[in-house]
Amino acid sequence: METYRKTFAVETKGEGDLSDITEELREAVRTSGMTEGLACVSVPHSTAALVTLEFEPGLQSDIRKALDRLIPKSVVYDHDRTWGDGNGHAHIRSSFLGTSITVPFHDGAPDLGTWQQVVLIELDVRKRRREVIIQIVGA
């Protein structure tokens, strides 16, 4: 069993910005030299999330609207009362969506569906520089 680690940064434009990081995942798997295993993709931030999504404009809009319906910004969050930074909803959204995903790979390529991409969602109210970690385990 071998391991490989890659980190990179994503500059976001602020709340609702979606970044397709699928190519970075594919490149990490290729560079690792492994053909079979698991790739864990993680963003170590409490106001960002990782999901799989068809990265097309309609779904990008739809996920933003769905998050607004499920975890609205208009609610008063205790976090905002405590810190005054207006991003309580971003923390809750990140907790529900998650900050990591695991993707199996086979024959040196991630096992993703035809229309499935790995997407970082910026949930905070301002632009950020997000670190992404890809940790690969396999052979």
N, C-alpha and C. Protein backbone atom coordinates (compact mmCIF):
# COMPACT_ATOMS: atom_id res chain seq x y z
N MET A 1 0.85 -1.18 0.00
CA MET A 1 0.00 0.00 0.00
C MET A 1 0.90 1.24 0.00
N GLU A 2 0.62 2.16 -0.90
CA GLU A 2 1.37 3.40 -1.00
C GLU A 2 0.45 4.58 -0.70
N THR A 3 1.08 5.73 -0.43
CA THR A 3 0.32 6.96 -0.26
C THR A 3 0.95 8.06 -1.10
N TYR A 4 0.15 9.02 -1.45
CA TYR A 4 0.61 10.19 -2.21
C TYR A 4 -0.25 11.36 -1.75
N ARG A 5 0.37 12.53 -1.65
CA ARG A 5 -0.36 13.72 -1.19
C ARG A 5 -0.07 14.90 -2.11
N LYS A 6 -1.13 15.60 -2.46
CA LYS A 6 -1.01 16.82 -3.27
C LYS A 6 -1.85 17.90 -2.61
N THR A 7 -1.32 19.11 -2.54
CA THR A 7 -2.10 20.24 -2.07
C THR A 7 -2.05 21.34 -3.13
N PHE A 8 -3.10 22.10 -3.18
CA PHE A 8 -3.14 23.25 -4.09
C PHE A 8 -4.14 24.26 -3.53
N ALA A 9 -4.10 25.47 -4.05
CA ALA A 9 -4.98 26.52 -3.57
C ALA A 9 -6.00 26.88 -4.65
N VAL A 10 -7.17 27.28 -4.19
CA VAL A 10 -8.24 27.78 -5.07
C VAL A 10 -8.61 29.16 -4.56
N GLU A 11 -8.53 30.14 -5.44
CA GLU A 11 -8.96 31.50 -5.11
C GLU A 11 -10.44 31.61 -5.46
N THR A 12 -11.27 31.90 -4.47
CA THR A 12 -12.71 32.00 -4.74
C THR A 12 -13.12 33.46 -4.82
N LYS A 13 -14.30 33.66 -5.40
CA LYS A 13 -14.83 35.01 -5.57
C LYS A 13 -15.83 35.38 -4.49
N GLY A 14 -16.04 34.48 -3.54
CA GLY A 14 -16.99 34.74 -2.47
C GLY A 14 -18.18 33.80 -2.55
N GLU A 15 -19.14 34.05 -1.69
CA GLU A 15 -20.30 33.18 -1.51
C GLU A 15 -20.95 32.78 -2.84
N GLY A 16 -21.14 31.46 -2.98
CA GLY A 16 -21.79 30.93 -4.16
C GLY A 16 -20.86 30.59 -5.30
N ASP A 17 -19.57 30.91 -5.17
CA ASP A 17 -18.61 30.58 -6.23
C ASP A 17 -18.36 29.08 -6.22
N LEU A 18 -18.42 28.47 -7.38
CA LEU A 18 -18.17 27.04 -7.53
C LEU A 18 -16.94 26.84 -8.40
N SER A 19 -16.05 25.95 -7.97
CA SER A 19 -14.81 25.68 -8.70
C SER A 19 -14.72 24.19 -9.00
N ASP A 20 -14.60 23.86 -10.26
CA ASP A 20 -14.43 22.47 -10.70
C ASP A 20 -12.98 22.08 -10.46
N ILE A 21 -12.74 21.13 -9.57
CA ILE A 21 -11.37 20.70 -9.26
C ILE A 21 -11.11 19.27 -9.74
N THR A 22 -11.94 18.80 -10.65
CA THR A 22 -11.81 17.42 -11.15
C THR A 22 -10.48 17.18 -11.82
N GLU A 23 -10.01 18.12 -12.60
CA GLU A 23 -8.74 17.92 -13.31
C GLU A 23 -7.58 17.80 -12.34
N GLU A 24 -7.61 18.56 -11.24
CA GLU A 24 -6.55 18.43 -10.22
C GLU A 24 -6.57 17.03 -9.61
N LEU A 25 -7.76 16.48 -9.40
CA LEU A 25 -7.87 15.12 -8.89
C LEU A 25 -7.30 14.12 -9.89
N ARG A 26 -7.71 14.24 -11.15
CA ARG A 26 -7.18 13.33 -12.18
C ARG A 26 -5.66 13.38 -12.26
N GLU A 27 -5.13 14.60 -12.23
CA GLU A 27 -3.67 14.78 -12.30
C GLU A 27 -2.98 14.17 -11.08
N ALA A 28 -3.57 14.32 -9.91
CA ALA A 28 -2.97 13.73 -8.70
C ALA A 28 -2.93 12.21 -8.80
N VAL A 29 -4.00 11.61 -9.29
CA VAL A 29 -4.03 10.15 -9.45
C VAL A 29 -2.97 9.73 -10.46
N ARG A 30 -2.89 10.43 -11.59
CA ARG A 30 -1.86 10.10 -12.61
C ARG A 30 -0.46 10.22 -12.02
N THR A 31 -0.20 11.34 -11.35
CA THR A 31 1.13 11.61 -10.80
C THR A 31 1.51 10.60 -9.72
N SER A 32 0.53 10.11 -8.99
CA SER A 32 0.82 9.14 -7.92
C SER A 32 1.42 7.86 -8.46
N GLY A 33 1.14 7.54 -9.72
CA GLY A 33 1.63 6.30 -10.32
C GLY A 33 0.84 5.08 -9.90
N MET A 34 -0.18 5.26 -9.09
CA MET A 34 -0.99 4.14 -8.64
C MET A 34 -2.12 3.89 -9.64
N THR A 35 -2.56 2.64 -9.68
CA THR A 35 -3.64 2.30 -10.61
C THR A 35 -4.95 1.97 -9.90
N GLU A 36 -4.89 1.56 -8.65
CA GLU A 36 -6.09 1.16 -7.90
C GLU A 36 -6.02 1.76 -6.51
N GLY A 37 -7.15 2.30 -6.03
CA GLY A 37 -7.16 2.81 -4.66
C GLY A 37 -8.26 3.81 -4.42
N LEU A 38 -8.01 4.66 -3.42
CA LEU A 38 -8.97 5.67 -3.00
C LEU A 38 -8.27 7.02 -2.93
N ALA A 39 -8.97 8.04 -3.38
CA ALA A 39 -8.47 9.41 -3.26
C ALA A 39 -9.43 10.18 -2.37
N CYS A 40 -8.91 10.69 -1.27
CA CYS A 40 -9.70 11.54 -0.37
C CYS A 40 -9.36 12.99 -0.73
N VAL A 41 -10.40 13.75 -1.03
CA VAL A 41 -10.25 15.17 -1.34
C VAL A 41 -10.84 15.94 -0.17
N SER A 42 -10.07 16.87 0.38
CA SER A 42 -10.50 17.56 1.59
C SER A 42 -10.19 19.05 1.48
N VAL A 43 -11.07 19.86 2.04
CA VAL A 43 -10.85 21.29 2.15
C VAL A 43 -10.93 21.63 3.64
N PRO A 44 -9.79 21.97 4.28
CA PRO A 44 -9.77 22.17 5.73
C PRO A 44 -10.24 23.57 6.14
N HIS A 45 -11.49 23.86 5.81
CA HIS A 45 -12.07 25.16 6.12
C HIS A 45 -13.52 24.95 6.56
N SER A 46 -13.99 25.74 7.50
CA SER A 46 -15.33 25.52 8.05
C SER A 46 -16.43 26.29 7.33
N THR A 47 -16.08 27.01 6.26
CA THR A 47 -17.10 27.72 5.48
C THR A 47 -16.94 27.43 3.98
N ALA A 48 -16.50 26.22 3.67
CA ALA A 48 -16.41 25.74 2.29
C ALA A 48 -16.90 24.30 2.30
N ALA A 49 -17.16 23.77 1.11
CA ALA A 49 -17.62 22.38 1.02
C ALA A 49 -17.16 21.76 -0.29
N LEU A 50 -17.17 20.43 -0.31
CA LEU A 50 -16.87 19.66 -1.52
C LEU A 50 -18.06 18.78 -1.83
N VAL A 51 -18.44 18.75 -3.10
CA VAL A 51 -19.54 17.92 -3.56
C VAL A 51 -19.19 17.36 -4.93
N THR A 52 -19.98 16.37 -5.37
CA THR A 52 -19.94 15.99 -6.78
C THR A 52 -21.20 16.56 -7.41
N LEU A 53 -21.04 17.05 -8.62
CA LEU A 53 -22.11 17.78 -9.28
C LEU A 53 -21.79 17.84 -10.76
N GLU A 54 -22.80 17.80 -11.61
CA GLU A 54 -22.58 18.11 -13.02
C GLU A 54 -22.31 19.61 -13.08
N PHE A 55 -21.11 19.98 -13.50
CA PHE A 55 -20.67 21.37 -13.45
C PHE A 55 -21.16 22.12 -14.69
N GLU A 56 -22.44 22.46 -14.67
CA GLU A 56 -23.04 23.21 -15.77
C GLU A 56 -23.85 24.36 -15.16
N PRO A 57 -24.06 25.43 -15.91
CA PRO A 57 -24.65 26.65 -15.34
C PRO A 57 -26.00 26.44 -14.66
N GLY A 58 -26.86 25.61 -15.22
CA GLY A 58 -28.17 25.39 -14.60
C GLY A 58 -28.07 24.80 -13.22
N LEU A 59 -27.24 23.76 -13.08
CA LEU A 59 -27.08 23.13 -11.76
C LEU A 59 -26.31 24.02 -10.80
N GLN A 60 -25.38 24.82 -11.32
CA GLN A 60 -24.68 25.76 -10.44
C GLN A 60 -25.68 26.73 -9.81
N SER A 61 -26.58 27.23 -10.61
CA SER A 61 -27.64 28.11 -10.11
C SER A 61 -28.57 27.36 -9.16
N ASP A 62 -28.95 26.15 -9.55
CA ASP A 62 -29.88 25.35 -8.74
C ASP A 62 -29.33 25.07 -7.35
N ILE A 63 -28.04 24.73 -7.25
CA ILE A 63 -27.50 24.40 -5.93
C ILE A 63 -27.45 25.64 -5.05
N ARG A 64 -27.15 26.79 -5.63
CA ARG A 64 -27.17 28.03 -4.84
C ARG A 64 -28.58 28.29 -4.30
N LYS A 65 -29.58 28.14 -5.16
CA LYS A 65 -30.97 28.37 -4.75
C LYS A 65 -31.42 27.34 -3.71
N ALA A 66 -31.00 26.08 -3.89
CA ALA A 66 -31.37 25.04 -2.93
C ALA A 66 -30.77 25.33 -1.56
N LEU A 67 -29.52 25.77 -1.53
CA LEU A 67 -28.90 26.12 -0.24
C LEU A 67 -29.63 27.29 0.41
N ASP A 68 -30.05 28.25 -0.38
CA ASP A 68 -30.81 29.38 0.18
C ASP A 68 -32.13 28.93 0.77
N ARG A 69 -32.77 27.94 0.14
CA ARG A 69 -34.05 27.43 0.68
C ARG A 69 -33.83 26.58 1.93
N LEU A 70 -32.81 25.73 1.91
CA LEU A 70 -32.57 24.80 3.01
C LEU A 70 -31.96 25.46 4.24
N ILE A 71 -30.98 26.33 4.01
CA ILE A 71 -30.27 26.98 5.12
C ILE A 71 -30.16 28.46 4.74
N PRO A 72 -31.23 29.21 4.97
CA PRO A 72 -31.29 30.59 4.49
C PRO A 72 -30.33 31.53 5.21
N LYS A 73 -29.90 32.54 4.48
CA LYS A 73 -29.05 33.59 5.06
C LYS A 73 -29.86 34.51 5.96
N SER A 74 -31.15 34.60 5.71
CA SER A 74 -32.00 35.58 6.41
C SER A 74 -32.28 35.21 7.87
N VAL A 75 -31.97 33.99 8.27
CA VAL A 75 -32.17 33.57 9.65
C VAL A 75 -31.09 34.20 10.52
N VAL A 76 -31.45 34.55 11.77
CA VAL A 76 -30.45 35.07 12.70
C VAL A 76 -29.76 33.88 13.35
N TYR A 77 -28.45 33.80 13.16
CA TYR A 77 -27.65 32.70 13.72
C TYR A 77 -26.90 33.19 14.95
N ASP A 78 -26.84 32.34 15.99
CA ASP A 78 -26.12 32.70 17.21
C ASP A 78 -24.65 33.00 16.91
N HIS A 79 -24.08 32.30 15.95
CA HIS A 79 -22.69 32.55 15.57
C HIS A 79 -22.52 34.02 15.16
N ASP A 80 -23.47 34.54 14.40
CA ASP A 80 -23.39 35.92 13.95
C ASP A 80 -23.52 36.89 15.12
N ARG A 81 -24.37 36.55 16.08
CA ARG A 81 -24.50 37.38 17.28
C ARG A 81 -23.19 37.42 18.06
N THR A 82 -22.52 36.27 18.11
CA THR A 82 -21.27 36.17 18.87
C THR A 82 -20.13 36.90 18.17
N TRP A 83 -19.97 36.67 16.87
CA TRP A 83 -18.80 37.16 16.15
C TRP A 83 -19.09 38.34 15.23
N GLY A 84 -20.34 38.54 14.85
CA GLY A 84 -20.68 39.67 14.01
C GLY A 84 -20.16 39.61 12.59
N ASP A 85 -19.83 38.41 12.11
CA ASP A 85 -19.24 38.32 10.77
C ASP A 85 -20.23 37.91 9.68
N GLY A 86 -21.48 37.65 10.05
CA GLY A 86 -22.51 37.40 9.06
C GLY A 86 -22.39 36.12 8.26
N ASN A 87 -21.61 35.16 8.76
CA ASN A 87 -21.44 33.91 8.00
C ASN A 87 -21.89 32.66 8.75
N GLY A 88 -22.79 32.83 9.71
CA GLY A 88 -23.30 31.66 10.44
C GLY A 88 -23.91 30.64 9.50
N HIS A 89 -24.64 31.11 8.51
CA HIS A 89 -25.24 30.20 7.53
C HIS A 89 -24.18 29.40 6.77
N ALA A 90 -23.03 30.01 6.50
CA ALA A 90 -21.96 29.34 5.78
C ALA A 90 -21.40 28.17 6.58
N HIS A 91 -21.25 28.36 7.89
CA HIS A 91 -20.77 27.28 8.75
C HIS A 91 -21.75 26.11 8.77
N ILE A 92 -23.05 26.42 8.87
CA ILE A 92 -24.07 25.37 8.90
C ILE A 92 -24.10 24.64 7.56
N ARG A 93 -24.06 25.38 6.47
CA ARG A 93 -24.07 24.76 5.14
C ARG A 93 -22.87 23.82 4.97
N SER A 94 -21.71 24.26 5.40
CA SER A 94 -20.52 23.42 5.30
C SER A 94 -20.67 22.14 6.11
N SER A 95 -21.26 22.26 7.30
CA SER A 95 -21.48 21.09 8.15
C SER A 95 -22.40 20.07 7.49
N PHE A 96 -23.42 20.56 6.79
CA PHE A 96 -24.36 19.66 6.13
C PHE A 96 -23.79 19.07 4.84
N LEU A 97 -23.08 19.86 4.07
CA LEU A 97 -22.54 19.38 2.79
C LEU A 97 -21.28 18.53 2.99
N GLY A 98 -20.42 18.95 3.90
CA GLY A 98 -19.19 18.21 4.18
C GLY A 98 -17.97 18.84 3.53
N THR A 99 -16.84 18.60 4.16
CA THR A 99 -15.59 19.19 3.69
C THR A 99 -14.64 18.17 3.05
N SER A 100 -15.11 16.95 2.87
CA SER A 100 -14.28 15.97 2.17
C SER A 100 -15.16 14.96 1.44
N ILE A 101 -14.57 14.39 0.40
CA ILE A 101 -15.21 13.30 -0.31
C ILE A 101 -14.14 12.27 -0.66
N THR A 102 -14.55 11.04 -0.81
CA THR A 102 -13.63 9.97 -1.21
C THR A 102 -14.07 9.44 -2.56
N VAL A 103 -13.12 9.36 -3.47
CA VAL A 103 -13.39 8.89 -4.83
C VAL A 103 -12.49 7.68 -5.09
N PRO A 104 -13.07 6.53 -5.41
CA PRO A 104 -12.22 5.40 -5.80
C PRO A 104 -11.62 5.65 -7.18
N PHE A 105 -10.50 4.99 -7.44
CA PHE A 105 -9.94 5.05 -8.78
C PHE A 105 -9.53 3.66 -9.24
N HIS A 106 -9.56 3.47 -10.56
CA HIS A 106 -9.31 2.17 -11.19
C HIS A 106 -8.58 2.43 -12.50
N ASP A 107 -7.61 1.62 -12.81
CA ASP A 107 -6.81 1.79 -14.02
C ASP A 107 -6.23 3.20 -14.11
N GLY A 108 -5.88 3.77 -12.97
CA GLY A 108 -5.22 5.06 -12.92
C GLY A 108 -6.11 6.26 -13.17
N ALA A 109 -7.43 6.08 -13.08
CA ALA A 109 -8.35 7.20 -13.31
C ALA A 109 -9.47 7.18 -12.27
N PRO A 110 -9.90 8.35 -11.81
CA PRO A 110 -11.01 8.41 -10.84
C PRO A 110 -12.28 7.79 -11.42
N ASP A 111 -12.99 7.06 -10.58
CA ASP A 111 -14.27 6.45 -10.97
C ASP A 111 -15.39 7.48 -10.76
N LEU A 112 -15.51 8.37 -11.73
CA LEU A 112 -16.57 9.38 -11.71
C LEU A 112 -17.52 9.12 -12.86
N GLY A 113 -18.78 9.45 -12.67
CA GLY A 113 -19.76 9.28 -13.72
C GLY A 113 -19.50 10.24 -14.87
N THR A 114 -20.13 9.97 -15.99
CA THR A 114 -19.93 10.77 -17.20
C THR A 114 -20.14 12.26 -16.94
N TRP A 115 -21.14 12.61 -16.16
CA TRP A 115 -21.46 14.02 -15.92
C TRP A 115 -21.14 14.44 -14.48
N GLN A 116 -20.22 13.74 -13.85
CA GLN A 116 -19.93 13.99 -12.44
C GLN A 116 -18.56 14.64 -12.29
N GLN A 117 -18.55 15.83 -11.68
CA GLN A 117 -17.30 16.51 -11.39
C GLN A 117 -17.18 16.73 -9.88
N VAL A 118 -15.95 16.93 -9.43
CA VAL A 118 -15.69 17.27 -8.03
C VAL A 118 -15.64 18.80 -7.96
N VAL A 119 -16.47 19.36 -7.09
CA VAL A 119 -16.67 20.81 -7.06
C VAL A 119 -16.48 21.35 -5.65
N LEU A 120 -15.68 22.40 -5.55
CA LEU A 120 -15.54 23.15 -4.30
C LEU A 120 -16.57 24.26 -4.32
N ILE A 121 -17.33 24.38 -3.23
CA ILE A 121 -18.32 25.45 -3.12
C ILE A 121 -17.86 26.42 -2.03
N GLU A 122 -17.72 27.67 -2.42
CA GLU A 122 -17.41 28.71 -1.45
C GLU A 122 -18.71 29.13 -0.78
N LEU A 123 -18.75 29.04 0.54
CA LEU A 123 -19.96 29.36 1.29
C LEU A 123 -19.83 30.63 2.10
N ASP A 124 -18.61 31.13 2.26
CA ASP A 124 -18.40 32.32 3.08
C ASP A 124 -18.86 33.57 2.33
N VAL A 125 -19.06 34.64 3.07
CA VAL A 125 -19.62 35.87 2.51
C VAL A 125 -18.57 36.72 1.77
N ARG A 126 -17.31 36.30 1.80
CA ARG A 126 -16.27 37.05 1.08
C ARG A 126 -15.34 36.09 0.36
N LYS A 127 -14.56 36.63 -0.54
CA LYS A 127 -13.63 35.79 -1.29
C LYS A 127 -12.58 35.23 -0.35
N ARG A 128 -12.09 34.06 -0.72
CA ARG A 128 -11.13 33.34 0.13
C ARG A 128 -10.10 32.63 -0.73
N ARG A 129 -8.99 32.30 -0.09
CA ARG A 129 -7.99 31.40 -0.68
C ARG A 129 -8.16 30.08 0.07
N ARG A 130 -8.60 29.04 -0.65
CA ARG A 130 -8.88 27.75 -0.03
C ARG A 130 -7.80 26.74 -0.36
N GLU A 131 -7.32 26.07 0.67
CA GLU A 131 -6.38 24.97 0.48
C GLU A 131 -7.20 23.71 0.22
N VAL A 132 -6.76 22.93 -0.75
CA VAL A 132 -7.37 21.64 -1.03
C VAL A 132 -6.28 20.59 -0.88
N ILE A 133 -6.62 19.51 -0.20
CA ILE A 133 -5.70 18.39 0.02
C ILE A 133 -6.26 17.17 -0.69
N ILE A 134 -5.41 16.51 -1.46
CA ILE A 134 -5.78 15.22 -2.05
C ILE A 134 -4.81 14.20 -1.47
N GLN A 135 -5.34 13.25 -0.73
CA GLN A 135 -4.54 12.17 -0.14
C GLN A 135 -4.96 10.87 -0.82
N ILE A 136 -4.00 10.20 -1.41
CA ILE A 136 -4.27 9.01 -2.20
C ILE A 136 -3.65 7.79 -1.51
N VAL A 137 -4.42 6.73 -1.43
CA VAL A 137 -3.95 5.46 -0.88
C VAL A 137 -4.25 4.38 -1.90
N GLY A 138 -3.28 3.57 -2.22
CA GLY A 138 -3.53 2.52 -3.22
C GLY A 138 -2.26 1.79 -3.60
N ALA A 139 -2.36 1.17 -4.76
CA ALA A 139 -1.22 0.40 -5.28
C ALA A 139 -1.14 0.58 -6.78
